[in-house]
Amino acid sequence: SIETEMAQEFLSLIPQHDMIKFAKNGSIVTTAAVKLARAKTGRDLVAFPGDHPFYSYDDWFIGQTACDIGIPKSTKELSVTFKSGDLGSLEALFDKYPNQIACIITEPEKNFDRENGIDPETFLKQAIDLCHKNGALFILDEMITGFKIDLPGAITKYNLNPDLATWGKSTANGFSFCALTGKREIMHLGGIDNPGQEKLFLISTTHGGETHGIGAGIATIQFYKENNVIEKNLATGKTIREGANKIIKSQSLEQFLSVSNTDWMLVFTFKDKNGSHSLELRTIFLQHMIENGVLFQGAFVPCFTHDLEATQLFLKVFESACTIFKQALETGHDKLLVGETVKPVFRKYI
């Protein structure tokens, strides 16, 4: 069957994991992973980096954001946070809540202070060891990094051994497909093939059996294997990063505009003269990029179809946007703004 074919294809990329469960969106599989961890450990608390943007629309995550209306206080108390890349912060959580944390869930590459020697591989391996030392499970969320930094992701790039991992987005080239992978002794808790075992109701969705996404996932894996997609995308990202930095330096904007050193996904930061993140300046930059043919939200994710013409267009428009950005810094942004400023997703009020 197509399900069996996809299971075999996907798991062949992840020697650390034995089983896979398909779904249609990321929140379903991250919540399923949390449920498995709670069932396996008999514990209630879930830990994740408080400075990461998103893990699920479900209560266990949203209750820790500004958008917590409608979520019981008792539910919010079951989630705790630590600082991304800070092992001491994670150790403090285990000390504060001994034998209570079921799992931590984290993206593998987000908010790491590489300039001060904090690299993802070291932290992630130490975090996995710390979890296991304290009887908790480690969930690696590859929703963003999967099929971008490696095939299939950080799990192989850094040779990690998480208990569970979650996947989506690029894994089926944008089709509706997500997956949960993990070790057999944990994943089987969500199955129905062990008579006498207490039943864990893991996932049940109306369209979960739809196969277009699975077919797209199979085709995506095959295309990646045949076309060196990762290498090409990283090269494109490097071209954009180096070109953008050259433009930023030429206009003396290094203090106000920066781009991350992550070629698989370039994140741009916009600051005012006080060194604070500026939504107004960000909006001015974005609106100029969009007006000139570049769909841009403050990040650039290189894709296989990005050719030389596309990268040249991006850098050309980026250069003119920097000129407008510099003007806004010097003379103010009021006359340059069109419409409302962009707003953070997680805010208390609309």
Protein backbone atom coordinates (compact mmCIF):
# COMPACT_ATOMS: atom_id res chain seq x y z
CA SER A 1 0.00 0.00 0.00
CA ILE A 2 1.00 3.63 -0.37
CA GLU A 3 1.07 3.99 3.43
CA THR A 4 3.51 1.10 3.77
CA GLU A 5 5.69 2.48 0.97
CA MET A 6 5.89 5.89 2.64
CA ALA A 7 6.58 4.38 6.05
CA GLN A 8 9.48 2.39 4.63
CA GLU A 9 10.84 5.34 2.62
CA PHE A 10 10.69 7.76 5.54
CA LEU A 11 12.05 5.43 8.20
CA SER A 12 14.92 4.42 5.91
CA LEU A 13 16.16 8.00 6.41
CA ILE A 14 16.03 7.73 10.22
CA PRO A 15 17.91 4.69 11.59
CA GLN A 16 17.22 5.91 15.15
CA HIS A 17 13.45 5.36 14.79
CA ASP A 18 11.30 2.29 14.22
CA MET A 19 7.73 3.47 13.68
CA ILE A 20 5.83 6.32 12.04
CA LYS A 21 2.35 7.84 12.33
CA PHE A 22 0.90 10.05 9.57
CA ALA A 23 -1.22 13.18 10.09
CA LYS A 24 -2.31 16.35 8.33
CA ASN A 25 -0.83 19.20 10.38
CA GLY A 26 1.96 19.88 12.81
CA SER A 27 -0.10 20.52 15.92
CA ILE A 28 -1.61 17.05 15.66
CA VAL A 29 1.75 15.29 15.76
CA THR A 30 3.41 17.50 18.39
CA THR A 31 0.42 16.98 20.68
CA ALA A 32 0.47 13.25 19.94
CA ALA A 33 4.15 13.18 20.90
CA VAL A 34 3.39 14.94 24.19
CA LYS A 35 0.56 12.48 24.89
CA LEU A 36 2.86 9.52 24.27
CA ALA A 37 5.49 10.99 26.57
CA ARG A 38 2.97 11.45 29.35
CA ALA A 39 1.69 7.92 28.89
CA LYS A 40 5.19 6.44 28.86
CA THR A 41 6.46 8.32 31.92
CA GLY A 42 3.27 8.67 33.95
CA ARG A 43 4.14 12.35 34.43
CA ASP A 44 2.21 15.51 33.58
CA LEU A 45 4.59 18.43 32.94
CA VAL A 46 5.79 19.43 29.47
CA ALA A 47 8.82 21.69 28.95
CA PHE A 48 9.74 23.76 25.90
CA PRO A 49 11.81 26.89 25.14
CA GLY A 50 9.87 29.98 26.13
CA ASP A 51 11.65 32.01 23.45
CA HIS A 52 10.53 29.78 20.58
CA PRO A 53 7.52 30.95 18.55
CA PHE A 54 5.21 27.95 18.10
CA TYR A 55 4.71 24.28 18.82
CA SER A 56 0.94 23.69 18.68
CA TYR A 57 -2.44 25.39 18.72
CA ASP A 58 -3.41 23.01 21.53
CA ASP A 59 -3.77 24.14 25.14
CA TRP A 60 -0.46 22.72 26.40
CA PHE A 61 1.42 25.28 24.28
CA ILE A 62 -0.98 28.19 23.69
CA GLY A 63 -1.55 28.49 27.42
CA GLN A 64 2.01 29.80 27.75
CA THR A 65 1.49 32.57 25.17
CA ALA A 66 -0.30 35.92 25.36
CA CYS A 67 -3.28 34.28 23.63
CA ASP A 68 -4.29 32.24 26.65
CA ILE A 69 -7.97 33.18 26.86
CA GLY A 70 -10.20 30.11 27.01
CA ILE A 71 -7.54 27.89 28.55
CA PRO A 72 -7.99 26.75 32.17
CA LYS A 73 -5.38 27.83 34.70
CA SER A 74 -4.92 24.20 35.71
CA THR A 75 -3.91 23.36 32.13
CA LYS A 76 -1.44 26.24 31.92
CA GLU A 77 0.29 24.98 35.04
CA LEU A 78 1.20 21.73 33.26
CA SER A 79 3.63 23.48 30.90
CA VAL A 80 6.97 24.97 31.95
CA THR A 81 9.60 26.80 29.93
CA PHE A 82 13.37 27.15 29.70
CA LYS A 83 15.75 29.34 27.69
CA SER A 84 16.74 28.01 24.28
CA GLY A 85 20.29 26.66 24.17
CA ASP A 86 20.79 27.18 27.90
CA LEU A 87 21.51 23.85 29.57
CA GLY A 88 21.61 25.49 33.00
CA SER A 89 18.08 26.77 32.47
CA LEU A 90 16.92 23.24 31.63
CA GLU A 91 18.77 21.74 34.59
CA ALA A 92 17.04 24.25 36.86
CA LEU A 93 13.66 23.01 35.61
CA PHE A 94 14.45 19.40 36.46
CA ASP A 95 15.67 20.52 39.89
CA LYS A 96 12.52 22.57 40.48
CA TYR A 97 10.16 19.80 39.32
CA PRO A 98 11.80 16.49 40.27
CA ASN A 99 10.13 13.41 38.76
CA GLN A 100 7.37 15.58 37.27
CA ILE A 101 8.54 16.44 33.74
CA ALA A 102 7.33 13.99 31.10
CA CYS A 103 9.27 15.47 28.19
CA ILE A 104 10.90 18.45 26.62
CA ILE A 105 10.11 19.42 23.05
CA THR A 106 12.35 21.74 21.09
CA GLU A 107 13.28 22.81 17.60
CA PRO A 108 16.90 21.91 16.84
CA GLU A 109 18.05 25.28 15.46
CA LYS A 110 16.47 28.37 16.94
CA ASN A 111 17.89 31.30 18.96
CA PHE A 112 21.33 29.80 19.53
CA ASP A 113 24.01 32.29 20.59
CA ARG A 114 26.70 30.92 18.29
CA GLU A 115 28.92 33.97 18.79
CA ASN A 116 29.32 32.97 22.43
CA GLY A 117 30.10 29.35 21.63
CA ILE A 118 26.63 27.83 22.00
CA ASP A 119 26.11 25.44 19.11
CA PRO A 120 23.00 23.33 18.46
CA GLU A 121 24.72 19.94 18.34
CA THR A 122 26.36 20.25 21.75
CA PHE A 123 23.25 21.57 23.46
CA LEU A 124 20.89 19.03 21.90
CA LYS A 125 23.05 16.04 22.82
CA GLN A 126 23.48 17.34 26.37
CA ALA A 127 19.74 18.01 26.63
CA ILE A 128 18.90 14.47 25.50
CA ASP A 129 21.27 13.03 28.09
CA LEU A 130 19.80 15.29 30.77
CA CYS A 131 16.26 14.21 29.91
CA HIS A 132 17.12 10.53 30.11
CA LYS A 133 19.05 11.04 33.34
CA ASN A 134 15.88 12.52 34.82
CA GLY A 135 13.49 9.93 33.39
CA ALA A 136 11.97 12.27 30.79
CA LEU A 137 11.61 11.85 27.02
CA PHE A 138 13.15 14.13 24.40
CA ILE A 139 11.00 15.23 21.45
CA LEU A 140 12.78 16.80 18.47
CA ASP A 141 10.47 19.09 16.49
CA GLU A 142 11.74 19.06 12.89
CA MET A 143 8.69 20.84 11.50
CA ILE A 144 10.87 23.75 10.33
CA THR A 145 14.28 22.10 9.90
CA GLY A 146 13.13 18.87 8.26
CA PHE A 147 14.21 18.54 4.62
CA LYS A 148 15.94 21.93 4.88
CA ILE A 149 19.19 21.47 6.80
CA ASP A 150 19.67 17.82 5.84
CA LEU A 151 17.74 14.81 4.56
CA PRO A 152 15.74 14.31 6.64
CA GLY A 153 16.94 16.91 9.17
CA ALA A 154 18.91 17.75 12.31
CA ILE A 155 18.45 14.18 13.54
CA THR A 156 20.96 13.04 10.92
CA LYS A 157 22.99 16.24 10.56
CA TYR A 158 23.95 16.08 14.24
CA ASN A 159 23.52 12.32 14.73
CA LEU A 160 20.91 12.82 17.45
CA ASN A 161 18.98 10.11 19.24
CA PRO A 162 15.64 11.63 20.32
CA ASP A 163 12.84 9.44 21.61
CA LEU A 164 10.32 11.02 19.24
CA ALA A 165 10.44 13.46 16.33
CA THR A 166 7.82 15.49 14.48
CA TRP A 167 7.86 16.40 10.80
CA GLY A 168 5.92 18.50 8.27
CA LYS A 169 6.01 21.41 5.82
CA SER A 170 8.87 20.54 3.42
CA THR A 171 8.50 16.78 3.91
CA ALA A 172 5.86 16.66 1.17
CA ASN A 173 6.86 19.85 -0.66
CA GLY A 174 3.98 21.82 0.84
CA PHE A 175 1.25 19.19 0.54
CA SER A 176 -0.82 18.42 3.63
CA PHE A 177 1.40 15.83 5.27
CA CYS A 178 2.98 15.57 8.70
CA ALA A 179 4.48 12.68 10.61
CA LEU A 180 5.45 11.49 14.05
CA THR A 181 8.38 9.08 14.26
CA GLY A 182 9.83 7.35 17.27
CA LYS A 183 11.14 4.35 19.09
CA ARG A 184 8.97 1.24 19.05
CA GLU A 185 8.61 0.92 22.82
CA ILE A 186 7.04 4.40 22.92
CA MET A 187 5.13 4.48 19.64
CA HIS A 188 3.39 1.14 20.27
CA LEU A 189 1.55 2.74 23.19
CA GLY A 190 -0.62 4.44 20.56
CA GLY A 191 -1.42 1.19 18.77
CA ILE A 192 -4.15 -1.43 19.12
CA ASP A 193 -2.18 -4.62 18.59
CA ASN A 194 -1.31 -5.46 22.20
CA PRO A 195 -4.29 -7.12 23.95
CA GLY A 196 -4.58 -6.18 27.61
CA GLN A 197 -2.63 -2.93 27.21
CA GLU A 198 -4.37 0.21 28.45
CA LYS A 199 -5.65 1.99 25.33
CA LEU A 200 -4.16 5.38 24.47
CA PHE A 201 -6.41 7.32 22.08
CA LEU A 202 -3.62 8.93 20.08
CA ILE A 203 -4.96 10.49 16.87
CA SER A 204 -8.33 10.40 15.10
CA THR A 205 -9.03 12.89 12.29
CA THR A 206 -11.69 12.91 9.59
CA HIS A 207 -9.26 13.28 6.70
CA GLY A 208 -6.30 11.48 8.22
CA GLY A 209 -6.53 8.68 5.66
CA GLU A 210 -6.32 10.98 2.63
CA THR A 211 -3.40 9.83 0.51
CA HIS A 212 -2.47 12.76 -1.77
CA GLY A 213 -0.05 14.09 0.85
CA ILE A 214 1.50 10.66 1.34
CA GLY A 215 2.03 10.33 -2.40
CA ALA A 216 3.60 13.78 -2.49
CA GLY A 217 5.86 12.78 0.39
CA ILE A 218 7.13 9.73 -1.48
CA ALA A 219 7.79 11.82 -4.60
CA THR A 220 9.56 14.48 -2.52
CA ILE A 221 11.95 11.99 -0.93
CA GLN A 222 12.78 10.49 -4.31
CA PHE A 223 13.36 13.94 -5.84
CA TYR A 224 15.64 14.95 -2.96
CA LYS A 225 17.72 11.80 -3.40
CA GLU A 226 18.09 12.29 -7.15
CA ASN A 227 18.76 16.04 -7.32
CA ASN A 228 21.01 17.11 -4.40
CA VAL A 229 18.30 19.49 -3.20
CA ILE A 230 19.88 20.26 0.16
CA GLU A 231 23.21 21.25 -1.38
CA LYS A 232 21.60 23.52 -3.98
CA ASN A 233 19.33 25.21 -1.44
CA LEU A 234 22.20 25.87 0.97
CA ALA A 235 24.23 27.36 -1.89
CA THR A 236 21.31 29.65 -2.76
CA GLY A 237 20.99 30.70 0.88
CA LYS A 238 24.70 31.46 1.04
CA THR A 239 24.48 33.62 -2.08
CA ILE A 240 21.59 35.61 -0.62
CA ARG A 241 23.26 35.94 2.80
CA GLU A 242 26.59 37.13 1.42
CA GLY A 243 24.91 39.49 -1.03
CA ALA A 244 22.62 40.94 1.63
CA ASN A 245 25.49 41.47 4.06
CA LYS A 246 27.50 43.23 1.36
CA ILE A 247 24.59 45.59 0.70
CA ILE A 248 24.02 46.21 4.42
CA LYS A 249 27.70 47.06 4.90
CA SER A 250 27.82 49.32 1.85
CA GLN A 251 25.00 51.42 3.33
CA SER A 252 26.47 51.37 6.87
CA LEU A 253 23.40 49.64 8.28
CA GLU A 254 25.13 46.86 10.23
CA GLN A 255 23.91 48.31 13.53
CA PHE A 256 20.28 48.29 12.44
CA LEU A 257 19.80 45.46 9.94
CA SER A 258 21.17 41.93 10.18
CA VAL A 259 20.72 38.49 8.64
CA SER A 260 21.18 35.17 10.42
CA ASN A 261 24.10 32.90 9.58
CA THR A 262 21.79 29.99 8.74
CA ASP A 263 21.76 29.42 5.00
CA TRP A 264 18.83 26.97 5.12
CA MET A 265 16.57 29.79 6.37
CA LEU A 266 17.74 33.39 6.55
CA VAL A 267 16.06 35.49 9.24
CA PHE A 268 16.34 39.28 9.01
CA THR A 269 16.28 41.59 12.05
CA PHE A 270 15.26 45.26 11.94
CA LYS A 271 16.27 47.67 14.74
CA ASP A 272 15.85 51.37 15.42
CA LYS A 273 18.46 53.87 16.62
CA ASN A 274 17.95 52.70 20.21
CA GLY A 275 18.81 49.13 19.27
CA SER A 276 15.23 47.95 19.80
CA HIS A 277 13.34 45.73 17.37
CA SER A 278 11.10 47.99 15.30
CA LEU A 279 7.82 46.80 13.81
CA GLU A 280 7.50 50.10 11.94
CA LEU A 281 10.87 49.76 10.22
CA ARG A 282 10.17 46.10 9.54
CA THR A 283 6.87 47.04 7.91
CA ILE A 284 8.49 49.67 5.69
CA PHE A 285 11.09 47.15 4.54
CA LEU A 286 8.52 44.43 3.86
CA GLN A 287 6.12 46.69 2.00
CA HIS A 288 8.89 47.86 -0.34
CA MET A 289 9.99 44.28 -1.07
CA ILE A 290 6.42 43.20 -1.81
CA GLU A 291 5.66 46.26 -3.95
CA ASN A 292 8.66 45.37 -6.10
CA GLY A 293 7.85 41.73 -6.74
CA VAL A 294 9.45 39.89 -3.82
CA LEU A 295 7.05 38.15 -1.42
CA PHE A 296 8.88 38.66 1.86
CA GLN A 297 7.94 38.34 5.53
CA GLY A 298 11.35 38.95 7.05
CA ALA A 299 12.78 35.53 6.29
CA PHE A 300 14.11 33.84 3.16
CA VAL A 301 13.77 30.09 2.74
CA PRO A 302 15.74 28.90 -0.31
CA CYS A 303 13.89 26.49 -2.58
CA PHE A 304 15.06 24.25 -5.41
CA THR A 305 13.30 26.45 -8.00
CA HIS A 306 15.18 29.58 -6.93
CA ASP A 307 17.53 30.18 -9.86
CA LEU A 308 20.08 32.90 -10.60
CA GLU A 309 17.37 35.24 -11.87
CA ALA A 310 15.40 34.87 -8.62
CA THR A 311 18.43 35.54 -6.40
CA GLN A 312 19.42 38.56 -8.48
CA LEU A 313 15.89 39.96 -8.22
CA PHE A 314 15.87 39.47 -4.45
CA LEU A 315 19.18 41.25 -3.97
CA LYS A 316 18.24 44.08 -6.35
CA VAL A 317 15.02 44.79 -4.47
CA PHE A 318 16.76 44.23 -1.13
CA GLU A 319 19.27 46.96 -1.99
CA SER A 320 16.56 49.50 -2.80
CA ALA A 321 14.66 48.48 0.35
CA CYS A 322 17.80 49.21 2.37
CA THR A 323 17.84 52.72 0.92
CA ILE A 324 14.24 53.29 2.03
CA PHE A 325 15.04 51.73 5.41
CA LYS A 326 17.96 54.13 5.88
CA GLN A 327 15.73 57.06 4.97
CA ALA A 328 13.20 55.96 7.59
CA LEU A 329 15.96 55.78 10.19
CA GLU A 330 17.12 59.30 9.41
CA THR A 331 13.85 61.17 8.82
CA GLY A 332 11.22 59.08 10.56
CA HIS A 333 8.84 56.40 9.37
CA ASP A 334 5.43 58.12 9.45
CA LYS A 335 5.44 59.31 5.83
CA LEU A 336 6.79 56.01 4.54
CA LEU A 337 4.33 53.64 6.19
CA VAL A 338 1.41 52.39 4.10
CA GLY A 339 -1.43 51.11 6.25
CA GLU A 340 -0.96 49.46 9.63
CA THR A 341 2.30 48.08 10.94
CA VAL A 342 2.85 44.35 11.10
CA LYS A 343 1.95 42.82 14.45
CA PRO A 344 3.23 39.83 16.40
CA VAL A 345 1.02 36.74 16.18
CA PHE A 346 0.96 36.19 19.92
CA ARG A 347 -0.47 39.37 21.42
CA LYS A 348 -3.09 39.86 24.10
CA TYR A 349 -5.43 42.01 22.04
CA ILE A 350 -6.36 42.15 18.36
